[in-house]
PDB file of all heavy atoms in Angstrom:
ATOM      1  N   THR A   1      16.808  12.550 -21.053  1.00  0.00           N
ATOM      2  CA  THR A   1      18.062  13.299 -21.029  1.00  0.00           C
ATOM      3  C   THR A   1      19.205  12.373 -20.621  1.00  0.00           C
ATOM      4  O   THR A   1      19.094  11.675 -19.612  1.00  0.00           O
ATOM      5  CB  THR A   1      17.968  14.457 -20.010  1.00  0.00           C
ATOM      6  OG1 THR A   1      16.807  15.229 -20.312  1.00  0.00           O
ATOM      7  CG2 THR A   1      19.196  15.316 -20.027  1.00  0.00           C
ATOM      8  N   PRO A   2      20.302  12.338 -21.389  1.00  0.00           N
ATOM      9  CA  PRO A   2      21.432  11.479 -21.015  1.00  0.00           C
ATOM     10  C   PRO A   2      21.871  11.742 -19.570  1.00  0.00           C
ATOM     11  O   PRO A   2      22.054  12.891 -19.167  1.00  0.00           O
ATOM     12  CB  PRO A   2      22.520  11.879 -22.005  1.00  0.00           C
ATOM     13  CG  PRO A   2      21.755  12.382 -23.203  1.00  0.00           C
ATOM     14  CD  PRO A   2      20.546  13.072 -22.629  1.00  0.00           C
ATOM     15  N   GLY A   3      21.971  10.667 -18.805  1.00  0.00           N
ATOM     16  CA  GLY A   3      22.355  10.777 -17.401  1.00  0.00           C
ATOM     17  C   GLY A   3      21.228  11.175 -16.477  1.00  0.00           C
ATOM     18  O   GLY A   3      21.410  11.254 -15.265  1.00  0.00           O
ATOM     19  N   GLY A   4      20.039  11.419 -17.033  1.00  0.00           N
ATOM     20  CA  GLY A   4      18.894  11.838 -16.232  1.00  0.00           C
ATOM     21  C   GLY A   4      18.131  10.668 -15.630  1.00  0.00           C
ATOM     22  O   GLY A   4      18.449   9.497 -15.852  1.00  0.00           O
ATOM     23  N   VAL A   5      17.116  11.017 -14.874  1.00  0.00           N
ATOM     24  CA  VAL A   5      16.310  10.015 -14.177  1.00  0.00           C
ATOM     25  C   VAL A   5      15.646   9.050 -15.151  1.00  0.00           C
ATOM     26  O   VAL A   5      15.714   7.825 -14.978  1.00  0.00           O
ATOM     27  CB  VAL A   5      15.243  10.720 -13.299  1.00  0.00           C
ATOM     28  CG1 VAL A   5      14.291   9.714 -12.686  1.00  0.00           C
ATOM     29  CG2 VAL A   5      15.907  11.559 -12.217  1.00  0.00           C
ATOM     30  N   THR A   6      15.011   9.582 -16.183  1.00  0.00           N
ATOM     31  CA  THR A   6      14.325   8.720 -17.152  1.00  0.00           C
ATOM     32  C   THR A   6      15.308   7.810 -17.864  1.00  0.00           C
ATOM     33  O   THR A   6      15.061   6.606 -18.009  1.00  0.00           O
ATOM     34  CB  THR A   6      13.543   9.574 -18.169  1.00  0.00           C
ATOM     35  OG1 THR A   6      12.587  10.368 -17.459  1.00  0.00           O
ATOM     36  CG2 THR A   6      12.833   8.713 -19.189  1.00  0.00           C
ATOM     37  N   ALA A   7      16.423   8.350 -18.304  1.00  0.00           N
ATOM     38  CA  ALA A   7      17.431   7.543 -18.998  1.00  0.00           C
ATOM     39  C   ALA A   7      17.964   6.436 -18.093  1.00  0.00           C
ATOM     40  O   ALA A   7      18.157   5.301 -18.542  1.00  0.00           O
ATOM     41  CB  ALA A   7      18.570   8.424 -19.493  1.00  0.00           C
ATOM     42  N   GLU A   8      18.184   6.755 -16.830  1.00  0.00           N
ATOM     43  CA  GLU A   8      18.680   5.734 -15.891  1.00  0.00           C
ATOM     44  C   GLU A   8      17.646   4.627 -15.702  1.00  0.00           C
ATOM     45  O   GLU A   8      17.986   3.441 -15.683  1.00  0.00           O
ATOM     46  CB  GLU A   8      19.023   6.370 -14.549  1.00  0.00           C
ATOM     47  CG  GLU A   8      20.232   7.280 -14.590  1.00  0.00           C
ATOM     48  CD  GLU A   8      21.539   6.545 -14.857  1.00  0.00           C
ATOM     49  OE1 GLU A   8      21.684   5.381 -14.419  1.00  0.00           O
ATOM     50  OE2 GLU A   8      22.408   7.141 -15.506  1.00  0.00           O
ATOM     51  N   GLY A   9      16.382   5.015 -15.549  1.00  0.00           N
ATOM     52  CA  GLY A   9      15.329   4.017 -15.394  1.00  0.00           C
ATOM     53  C   GLY A   9      15.183   3.144 -16.626  1.00  0.00           C
ATOM     54  O   GLY A   9      15.038   1.921 -16.522  1.00  0.00           O
ATOM     55  N   LEU A  10      15.243   3.761 -17.789  1.00  0.00           N
ATOM     56  CA  LEU A  10      15.134   2.995 -19.032  1.00  0.00           C
ATOM     57  C   LEU A  10      16.313   2.043 -19.211  1.00  0.00           C
ATOM     58  O   LEU A  10      16.138   0.902 -19.669  1.00  0.00           O
ATOM     59  CB  LEU A  10      15.030   3.935 -20.233  1.00  0.00           C
ATOM     60  CG  LEU A  10      13.728   4.735 -20.320  1.00  0.00           C
ATOM     61  CD1 LEU A  10      13.819   5.770 -21.428  1.00  0.00           C
ATOM     62  CD2 LEU A  10      12.542   3.814 -20.515  1.00  0.00           C
ATOM     63  N   ALA A  11      17.498   2.490 -18.846  1.00  0.00           N
ATOM     64  CA  ALA A  11      18.681   1.618 -18.946  1.00  0.00           C
ATOM     65  C   ALA A  11      18.516   0.397 -18.051  1.00  0.00           C
ATOM     66  O   ALA A  11      18.853  -0.728 -18.443  1.00  0.00           O
ATOM     67  CB  ALA A  11      19.938   2.396 -18.572  1.00  0.00           C
ATOM     68  N   ARG A  12      17.966   0.601 -16.870  1.00  0.00           N
ATOM     69  CA  ARG A  12      17.744  -0.518 -15.943  1.00  0.00           C
ATOM     70  C   ARG A  12      16.716  -1.498 -16.522  1.00  0.00           C
ATOM     71  O   ARG A  12      16.892  -2.710 -16.464  1.00  0.00           O
ATOM     72  CB  ARG A  12      17.293   0.026 -14.588  1.00  0.00           C
ATOM     73  CG  ARG A  12      16.927  -1.002 -13.588  1.00  0.00           C
ATOM     74  CD  ARG A  12      18.129  -1.769 -13.142  1.00  0.00           C
ATOM     75  NE  ARG A  12      17.693  -2.722 -12.134  1.00  0.00           N
ATOM     76  CZ  ARG A  12      18.444  -3.649 -11.626  1.00  0.00           C
ATOM     77  NH1 ARG A  12      19.698  -3.740 -11.997  1.00  0.00           N
ATOM     78  NH2 ARG A  12      17.985  -4.475 -10.735  1.00  0.00           N
ATOM     79  N   LEU A  13      15.651  -0.950 -17.091  1.00  0.00           N
ATOM     80  CA  LEU A  13      14.639  -1.809 -17.703  1.00  0.00           C
ATOM     81  C   LEU A  13      15.217  -2.604 -18.869  1.00  0.00           C
ATOM     82  O   LEU A  13      14.936  -3.801 -19.014  1.00  0.00           O
ATOM     83  CB  LEU A  13      13.450  -0.971 -18.177  1.00  0.00           C
ATOM     84  CG  LEU A  13      12.564  -0.391 -17.082  1.00  0.00           C
ATOM     85  CD1 LEU A  13      11.593   0.633 -17.681  1.00  0.00           C
ATOM     86  CD2 LEU A  13      11.815  -1.479 -16.345  1.00  0.00           C
ATOM     87  N   GLU A  14      16.003  -1.956 -19.698  1.00  0.00           N
ATOM     88  CA  GLU A  14      16.625  -2.644 -20.829  1.00  0.00           C
ATOM     89  C   GLU A  14      17.576  -3.740 -20.354  1.00  0.00           C
ATOM     90  O   GLU A  14      17.576  -4.841 -20.897  1.00  0.00           O
ATOM     91  CB  GLU A  14      17.361  -1.653 -21.731  1.00  0.00           C
ATOM     92  CG  GLU A  14      16.452  -0.773 -22.554  1.00  0.00           C
ATOM     93  CD  GLU A  14      15.658  -1.522 -23.620  1.00  0.00           C
ATOM     94  OE1 GLU A  14      16.062  -2.612 -24.049  1.00  0.00           O
ATOM     95  OE2 GLU A  14      14.615  -0.991 -24.024  1.00  0.00           O
ATOM     96  N   SER A  15      18.377  -3.442 -19.341  1.00  0.00           N
ATOM     97  CA  SER A  15      19.332  -4.443 -18.849  1.00  0.00           C
ATOM     98  C   SER A  15      18.621  -5.627 -18.205  1.00  0.00           C
ATOM     99  O   SER A  15      19.170  -6.726 -18.156  1.00  0.00           O
ATOM    100  CB  SER A  15      20.328  -3.815 -17.871  1.00  0.00           C
ATOM    101  OG  SER A  15      19.708  -3.491 -16.647  1.00  0.00           O
ATOM    102  N   ALA A  16      17.405  -5.408 -17.741  1.00  0.00           N
ATOM    103  CA  ALA A  16      16.626  -6.491 -17.138  1.00  0.00           C
ATOM    104  C   ALA A  16      15.816  -7.267 -18.181  1.00  0.00           C
ATOM    105  O   ALA A  16      15.106  -8.211 -17.838  1.00  0.00           O
ATOM    106  CB  ALA A  16      15.695  -5.929 -16.062  1.00  0.00           C
ATOM    107  N   GLY A  17      15.925  -6.862 -19.450  1.00  0.00           N
ATOM    108  CA  GLY A  17      15.276  -7.612 -20.515  1.00  0.00           C
ATOM    109  C   GLY A  17      13.881  -7.143 -20.895  1.00  0.00           C
ATOM    110  O   GLY A  17      13.096  -7.920 -21.441  1.00  0.00           O
ATOM    111  N   LEU A  18      13.557  -5.881 -20.631  1.00  0.00           N
ATOM    112  CA  LEU A  18      12.214  -5.381 -20.939  1.00  0.00           C
ATOM    113  C   LEU A  18      11.836  -5.588 -22.394  1.00  0.00           C
ATOM    114  O   LEU A  18      10.742  -6.082 -22.699  1.00  0.00           O
ATOM    115  CB  LEU A  18      12.091  -3.894 -20.589  1.00  0.00           C
ATOM    116  CG  LEU A  18      10.757  -3.264 -20.993  1.00  0.00           C
ATOM    117  CD1 LEU A  18       9.632  -3.800 -20.136  1.00  0.00           C
ATOM    118  CD2 LEU A  18      10.827  -1.762 -20.924  1.00  0.00           C
ATOM    119  N   ARG A  19      12.710  -5.225 -23.302  1.00  0.00           N
ATOM    120  CA  ARG A  19      12.378  -5.317 -24.728  1.00  0.00           C
ATOM    121  C   ARG A  19      12.057  -6.760 -25.124  1.00  0.00           C
ATOM    122  O   ARG A  19      11.021  -7.037 -25.730  1.00  0.00           O
ATOM    123  CB  ARG A  19      13.518  -4.777 -25.594  1.00  0.00           C
ATOM    124  CG  ARG A  19      13.213  -4.814 -27.084  1.00  0.00           C
ATOM    125  CD  ARG A  19      14.348  -4.196 -27.895  1.00  0.00           C
ATOM    126  NE  ARG A  19      14.648  -2.852 -27.453  1.00  0.00           N
ATOM    127  CZ  ARG A  19      14.026  -1.751 -27.894  1.00  0.00           C
ATOM    128  NH1 ARG A  19      13.099  -1.859 -28.798  1.00  0.00           N
ATOM    129  NH2 ARG A  19      14.354  -0.571 -27.437  1.00  0.00           N
ATOM    130  N   GLN A  20      12.933  -7.694 -24.786  1.00  0.00           N
ATOM    131  CA  GLN A  20      12.710  -9.082 -25.182  1.00  0.00           C
ATOM    132  C   GLN A  20      11.481  -9.673 -24.496  1.00  0.00           C
ATOM    133  O   GLN A  20      10.704 -10.400 -25.117  1.00  0.00           O
ATOM    134  CB  GLN A  20      13.945  -9.942 -24.894  1.00  0.00           C
ATOM    135  CG  GLN A  20      13.835 -11.337 -25.459  1.00  0.00           C
ATOM    136  CD  GLN A  20      13.528 -11.359 -26.959  1.00  0.00           C
ATOM    137  OE1 GLN A  20      14.122 -10.641 -27.746  1.00  0.00           O
ATOM    138  NE2 GLN A  20      12.566 -12.171 -27.362  1.00  0.00           N
ATOM    139  N   THR A  21      11.286  -9.351 -23.237  1.00  0.00           N
ATOM    140  CA  THR A  21      10.119  -9.848 -22.511  1.00  0.00           C
ATOM    141  C   THR A  21       8.836  -9.310 -23.135  1.00  0.00           C
ATOM    142  O   THR A  21       7.858 -10.039 -23.313  1.00  0.00           O
ATOM    143  CB  THR A  21      10.206  -9.451 -21.029  1.00  0.00           C
ATOM    144  OG1 THR A  21      11.385 -10.034 -20.471  1.00  0.00           O
ATOM    145  CG2 THR A  21       8.998  -9.925 -20.252  1.00  0.00           C
ATOM    146  N   THR A  22       8.828  -8.031 -23.489  1.00  0.00           N
ATOM    147  CA  THR A  22       7.656  -7.415 -24.099  1.00  0.00           C
ATOM    148  C   THR A  22       7.372  -8.024 -25.468  1.00  0.00           C
ATOM    149  O   THR A  22       6.218  -8.349 -25.796  1.00  0.00           O
ATOM    150  CB  THR A  22       7.849  -5.891 -24.216  1.00  0.00           C
ATOM    151  OG1 THR A  22       8.112  -5.365 -22.908  1.00  0.00           O
ATOM    152  CG2 THR A  22       6.628  -5.213 -24.800  1.00  0.00           C
ATOM    153  N   LEU A  23       8.405  -8.199 -26.273  1.00  0.00           N
ATOM    154  CA  LEU A  23       8.230  -8.825 -27.584  1.00  0.00           C
ATOM    155  C   LEU A  23       7.663 -10.236 -27.441  1.00  0.00           C
ATOM    156  O   LEU A  23       6.737 -10.621 -28.164  1.00  0.00           O
ATOM    157  CB  LEU A  23       9.560  -8.869 -28.337  1.00  0.00           C
ATOM    158  CG  LEU A  23      10.099  -7.532 -28.824  1.00  0.00           C
ATOM    159  CD1 LEU A  23      11.525  -7.702 -29.350  1.00  0.00           C
ATOM    160  CD2 LEU A  23       9.208  -6.935 -29.890  1.00  0.00           C
ATOM    161  N   SER A  24       8.207 -10.994 -26.523  1.00  0.00           N
ATOM    162  CA  SER A  24       7.751 -12.363 -26.310  1.00  0.00           C
ATOM    163  C   SER A  24       6.291 -12.397 -25.850  1.00  0.00           C
ATOM    164  O   SER A  24       5.494 -13.205 -26.340  1.00  0.00           O
ATOM    165  CB  SER A  24       8.648 -13.050 -25.278  1.00  0.00           C
ATOM    166  OG  SER A  24       8.197 -14.351 -25.002  1.00  0.00           O
ATOM    167  N   ALA A  25       5.936 -11.516 -24.920  1.00  0.00           N
ATOM    168  CA  ALA A  25       4.555 -11.464 -24.430  1.00  0.00           C
ATOM    169  C   ALA A  25       3.593 -11.113 -25.564  1.00  0.00           C
ATOM    170  O   ALA A  25       2.527 -11.726 -25.709  1.00  0.00           O
ATOM    171  CB  ALA A  25       4.434 -10.455 -23.287  1.00  0.00           C
ATOM    172  N   PHE A  26       3.963 -10.129 -26.376  1.00  0.00           N
ATOM    173  CA  PHE A  26       3.113  -9.725 -27.497  1.00  0.00           C
ATOM    174  C   PHE A  26       2.969 -10.862 -28.498  1.00  0.00           C
ATOM    175  O   PHE A  26       1.860 -11.165 -28.959  1.00  0.00           O
ATOM    176  CB  PHE A  26       3.671  -8.478 -28.186  1.00  0.00           C
ATOM    177  CG  PHE A  26       2.827  -8.030 -29.340  1.00  0.00           C
ATOM    178  CD1 PHE A  26       1.669  -7.317 -29.126  1.00  0.00           C
ATOM    179  CD2 PHE A  26       3.183  -8.344 -30.641  1.00  0.00           C
ATOM    180  CE1 PHE A  26       0.869  -6.907 -30.184  1.00  0.00           C
ATOM    181  CE2 PHE A  26       2.403  -7.942 -31.711  1.00  0.00           C
ATOM    182  CZ  PHE A  26       1.240  -7.229 -31.478  1.00  0.00           C
ATOM    183  N   GLU A  27       4.075 -11.500 -28.853  1.00  0.00           N
ATOM    184  CA  GLU A  27       4.033 -12.590 -29.830  1.00  0.00           C
ATOM    185  C   GLU A  27       3.180 -13.748 -29.313  1.00  0.00           C
ATOM    186  O   GLU A  27       2.394 -14.334 -30.068  1.00  0.00           O
ATOM    187  CB  GLU A  27       5.449 -13.052 -30.161  1.00  0.00           C
ATOM    188  CG  GLU A  27       6.212 -12.015 -30.979  1.00  0.00           C
ATOM    189  CD  GLU A  27       7.713 -12.242 -31.004  1.00  0.00           C
ATOM    190  OE1 GLU A  27       8.209 -13.205 -30.375  1.00  0.00           O
ATOM    191  OE2 GLU A  27       8.402 -11.418 -31.647  1.00  0.00           O
ATOM    192  N   ASN A  28       3.305 -14.069 -28.033  1.00  0.00           N
ATOM    193  CA  ASN A  28       2.494 -15.143 -27.457  1.00  0.00           C
ATOM    194  C   ASN A  28       1.015 -14.780 -27.451  1.00  0.00           C
ATOM    195  O   ASN A  28       0.158 -15.618 -27.765  1.00  0.00           O
ATOM    196  CB  ASN A  28       2.955 -15.474 -26.038  1.00  0.00           C
ATOM    197  CG  ASN A  28       4.266 -16.213 -26.014  1.00  0.00           C
ATOM    198  OD1 ASN A  28       4.724 -16.755 -27.007  1.00  0.00           O
ATOM    199  ND2 ASN A  28       4.902 -16.229 -24.863  1.00  0.00           N
ATOM    200  N   SER A  29       0.705 -13.524 -27.099  1.00  0.00           N
ATOM    201  CA  SER A  29      -0.687 -13.080 -27.090  1.00  0.00           C
ATOM    202  C   SER A  29      -1.272 -13.089 -28.491  1.00  0.00           C
ATOM    203  O   SER A  29      -2.419 -13.497 -28.703  1.00  0.00           O
ATOM    204  CB  SER A  29      -0.794 -11.684 -26.481  1.00  0.00           C
ATOM    205  OG  SER A  29      -0.431 -11.719 -25.118  1.00  0.00           O
ATOM    206  N   LEU A  30      -0.490 -12.644 -29.461  1.00  0.00           N
ATOM    207  CA  LEU A  30      -0.948 -12.622 -30.844  1.00  0.00           C
ATOM    208  C   LEU A  30      -1.198 -14.049 -31.344  1.00  0.00           C
ATOM    209  O   LEU A  30      -2.210 -14.328 -32.010  1.00  0.00           O
ATOM    210  CB  LEU A  30       0.056 -11.915 -31.740  1.00  0.00           C
ATOM    211  CG  LEU A  30      -0.351 -11.657 -33.176  1.00  0.00           C
ATOM    212  CD1 LEU A  30      -1.649 -10.871 -33.260  1.00  0.00           C
ATOM    213  CD2 LEU A  30       0.763 -10.920 -33.914  1.00  0.00           C
ATOM    214  N   ALA A  31      -0.313 -14.968 -31.012  1.00  0.00           N
ATOM    215  CA  ALA A  31      -0.509 -16.367 -31.402  1.00  0.00           C
ATOM    216  C   ALA A  31      -1.781 -16.923 -30.783  1.00  0.00           C
ATOM    217  O   ALA A  31      -2.536 -17.650 -31.444  1.00  0.00           O
ATOM    218  CB  ALA A  31       0.702 -17.194 -30.988  1.00  0.00           C
ATOM    219  N   LYS A  32      -2.054 -16.584 -29.523  1.00  0.00           N
ATOM    220  CA  LYS A  32      -3.267 -17.035 -28.862  1.00  0.00           C
ATOM    221  C   LYS A  32      -4.489 -16.464 -29.567  1.00  0.00           C
ATOM    222  O   LYS A  32      -5.456 -17.170 -29.814  1.00  0.00           O
ATOM    223  CB  LYS A  32      -3.247 -16.616 -27.396  1.00  0.00           C
ATOM    224  CG  LYS A  32      -4.486 -16.966 -26.626  1.00  0.00           C
ATOM    225  CD  LYS A  32      -4.652 -18.453 -26.468  1.00  0.00           C
ATOM    226  CE  LYS A  32      -5.867 -18.757 -25.598  1.00  0.00           C
ATOM    227  NZ  LYS A  32      -6.062 -20.186 -25.430  1.00  0.00           N
TER     228      LYS A  32
END
């Protein structure tokens, strides 16, 4: 919900680079 607890937590994760970190981890694991 916009402005809700989940949205706030997700925004914090995104601003901390969750998406890019997750993509990088997956790509590295797949390469391995």
